[in-house]
C-alpha atoms as a PDB file:
ATOM      1  CA  MET A   1       0.000   0.000   0.000  1.00  0.00           C
ATOM      2  CA  THR A   2       3.007   2.286   0.499  1.00  0.00           C
ATOM      3  CA  SER A   3       3.611   2.543  -3.231  1.00  0.00           C
ATOM      4  CA  ASP A   4      -0.097   3.306  -3.745  1.00  0.00           C
ATOM      5  CA  TRP A   5       0.065   6.194  -1.265  1.00  0.00           C
ATOM      6  CA  ALA A   6       3.237   7.485  -2.911  1.00  0.00           C
ATOM      7  CA  TRP A   7       1.573   7.317  -6.346  1.00  0.00           C
ATOM      8  CA  LEU A   8      -1.519   9.109  -5.036  1.00  0.00           C
ATOM      9  CA  ALA A   9       0.602  11.800  -3.361  1.00  0.00           C
ATOM     10  CA  GLY A  10       2.423  12.512  -6.632  1.00  0.00           C
ATOM     11  CA  LEU A  11      -0.808  12.620  -8.603  1.00  0.00           C
ATOM     12  CA  LEU A  12      -2.576  14.935  -6.167  1.00  0.00           C
ATOM     13  CA  GLU A  13       0.451  17.179  -5.789  1.00  0.00           C
ATOM     14  CA  GLY A  14       0.500  17.761  -9.534  1.00  0.00           C
ATOM     15  CA  GLU A  15      -3.153  17.514 -10.545  1.00  0.00           C
ATOM     16  CA  GLY A  16      -5.223  17.707  -7.372  1.00  0.00           C
ATOM     17  CA  THR A  17      -6.467  20.441  -5.094  1.00  0.00           C
ATOM     18  CA  PHE A  18      -6.495  20.631  -1.317  1.00  0.00           C
ATOM     19  CA  GLY A  19      -8.621  22.972   0.686  1.00  0.00           C
ATOM     20  CA  SER A  20     -11.147  23.405   3.418  1.00  0.00           C
ATOM     21  CA  VAL A  21     -14.843  24.133   3.369  1.00  0.00           C
ATOM     22  CA  ASP A  22     -17.170  25.660   5.976  1.00  0.00           C
ATOM     23  CA  ASN A  23     -20.113  23.585   7.027  1.00  0.00           C
ATOM     24  CA  ARG A  24     -23.330  25.172   8.266  1.00  0.00           C
ATOM     25  CA  ASN A  25     -22.138  25.045  11.885  1.00  0.00           C
ATOM     26  CA  GLY A  26     -19.097  27.194  11.133  1.00  0.00           C
ATOM     27  CA  LYS A  27     -16.638  24.302  11.342  1.00  0.00           C
ATOM     28  CA  LEU A  28     -13.987  23.727   8.700  1.00  0.00           C
ATOM     29  CA  TYR A  29     -13.382  20.343   7.140  1.00  0.00           C
ATOM     30  CA  GLY A  30     -10.729  19.227   4.671  1.00  0.00           C
ATOM     31  CA  ARG A  31     -11.384  18.614   1.026  1.00  0.00           C
ATOM     32  CA  ILE A  32      -9.462  16.938  -1.796  1.00  0.00           C
ATOM     33  CA  GLY A  33     -10.415  17.347  -5.449  1.00  0.00           C
ATOM     34  CA  LEU A  34      -9.172  15.748  -8.651  1.00  0.00           C
ATOM     35  CA  ARG A  35     -10.392  16.687 -12.143  1.00  0.00           C
ATOM     36  CA  MET A  36      -8.834  15.052 -15.203  1.00  0.00           C
ATOM     37  CA  ALA A  37      -9.595  13.701 -18.662  1.00  0.00           C
ATOM     38  CA  ASP A  38      -7.949  10.351 -17.818  1.00  0.00           C
ATOM     39  CA  GLY A  39     -10.860   8.366 -16.427  1.00  0.00           C
ATOM     40  CA  ASP A  40      -8.809   5.314 -15.467  1.00  0.00           C
ATOM     41  CA  VAL A  41      -6.435   7.462 -13.407  1.00  0.00           C
ATOM     42  CA  VAL A  42      -9.320   9.179 -11.613  1.00  0.00           C
ATOM     43  CA  GLU A  43     -10.945   5.798 -10.946  1.00  0.00           C
ATOM     44  CA  ARG A  44      -7.749   4.436  -9.376  1.00  0.00           C
ATOM     45  CA  ALA A  45      -7.345   7.554  -7.239  1.00  0.00           C
ATOM     46  CA  ALA A  46     -11.000   7.382  -6.137  1.00  0.00           C
ATOM     47  CA  THR A  47     -10.586   3.736  -5.154  1.00  0.00           C
ATOM     48  CA  LEU A  48      -7.457   4.463  -3.110  1.00  0.00           C
ATOM     49  CA  MET A  49      -9.141   7.384  -1.369  1.00  0.00           C
ATOM     50  CA  GLY A  50     -12.314   5.428  -0.627  1.00  0.00           C
ATOM     51  CA  ALA A  51     -14.503   7.788  -2.641  1.00  0.00           C
ATOM     52  CA  ASN A  52     -17.795   6.329  -3.810  1.00  0.00           C
ATOM     53  CA  HIS A  53     -18.693   8.733  -6.597  1.00  0.00           C
ATOM     54  CA  ILE A  54     -16.997  10.016  -9.742  1.00  0.00           C
ATOM     55  CA  ARG A  55     -18.740  12.825 -11.600  1.00  0.00           C
ATOM     56  CA  HIS A  56     -18.405  13.053 -15.371  1.00  0.00           C
ATOM     57  CA  GLU A  57     -18.472  16.439 -17.092  1.00  0.00           C
ATOM     58  CA  ALA A  58     -19.260  16.875 -20.758  1.00  0.00           C
ATOM     59  CA  PRO A  59     -16.590  18.441 -22.979  1.00  0.00           C
ATOM     60  CA  HIS A  60     -16.591  22.243 -23.060  1.00  0.00           C
ATOM     61  CA  GLY A  61     -15.768  23.196 -26.628  1.00  0.00           C
ATOM     62  CA  LEU A  62     -14.739  21.570 -29.858  1.00  0.00           C
ATOM     63  CA  GLY A  63     -11.835  19.155 -29.560  1.00  0.00           C
ATOM     64  CA  ARG A  64     -12.058  18.966 -25.770  1.00  0.00           C
ATOM     65  CA  LYS A  65     -12.322  15.748 -23.776  1.00  0.00           C
ATOM     66  CA  ALA A  66     -14.852  14.847 -21.118  1.00  0.00           C
ATOM     67  CA  LEU A  67     -13.592  15.324 -17.557  1.00  0.00           C
ATOM     68  CA  HIS A  68     -13.807  12.947 -14.615  1.00  0.00           C
ATOM     69  CA  VAL A  69     -14.085  14.512 -11.168  1.00  0.00           C
ATOM     70  CA  VAL A  70     -13.758  13.101  -7.671  1.00  0.00           C
ATOM     71  CA  ILE A  71     -14.155  15.194  -4.524  1.00  0.00           C
ATOM     72  CA  LEU A  72     -13.540  13.852  -1.049  1.00  0.00           C
ATOM     73  CA  GLY A  73     -14.290  15.676   2.189  1.00  0.00           C
ATOM     74  CA  GLY A  74     -14.527  15.291   5.926  1.00  0.00           C
ATOM     75  CA  GLN A  75     -12.848  12.475   7.825  1.00  0.00           C
ATOM     76  CA  ARG A  76     -12.056  10.524   4.657  1.00  0.00           C
ATOM     77  CA  ALA A  77     -10.165  13.489   3.212  1.00  0.00           C
ATOM     78  CA  ARG A  78      -8.312  13.957   6.488  1.00  0.00           C
ATOM     79  CA  ARG A  79      -7.274  10.290   6.558  1.00  0.00           C
ATOM     80  CA  VAL A  80      -5.990  10.467   2.977  1.00  0.00           C
ATOM     81  CA  MET A  81      -4.079  13.684   3.704  1.00  0.00           C
ATOM     82  CA  GLU A  82      -2.439  12.068   6.728  1.00  0.00           C
ATOM     83  CA  GLU A  83      -1.458   8.983   4.695  1.00  0.00           C
ATOM     84  CA  ILE A  84       0.085  10.895   1.787  1.00  0.00           C
ATOM     85  CA  LEU A  85       1.810  13.646   3.797  1.00  0.00           C
ATOM     86  CA  PRO A  86       5.123  11.737   4.150  1.00  0.00           C
ATOM     87  CA  TYR A  87       5.363  11.467   0.346  1.00  0.00           C
ATOM     88  CA  MET A  88       4.804  15.132  -0.401  1.00  0.00           C
END
């Protein structure tokens, strides 16, 4: 699993986003996002992160590819961030 976490860290460092979001109670929670045209890569990342949904976006413009999006928040995002931190 170590090599999987290292792979995910490299992918998210280059292609992903990290942030935090306010919930309605004023608390912040972590969030990880990944948006790419390579569906197989997004699927592997989603599996490693324990995400259960990948959103698909239609192409925007001629010659563009469809995008695959996974967003992870809350405790799952925190766990993933803790696991990949040593590889970043």
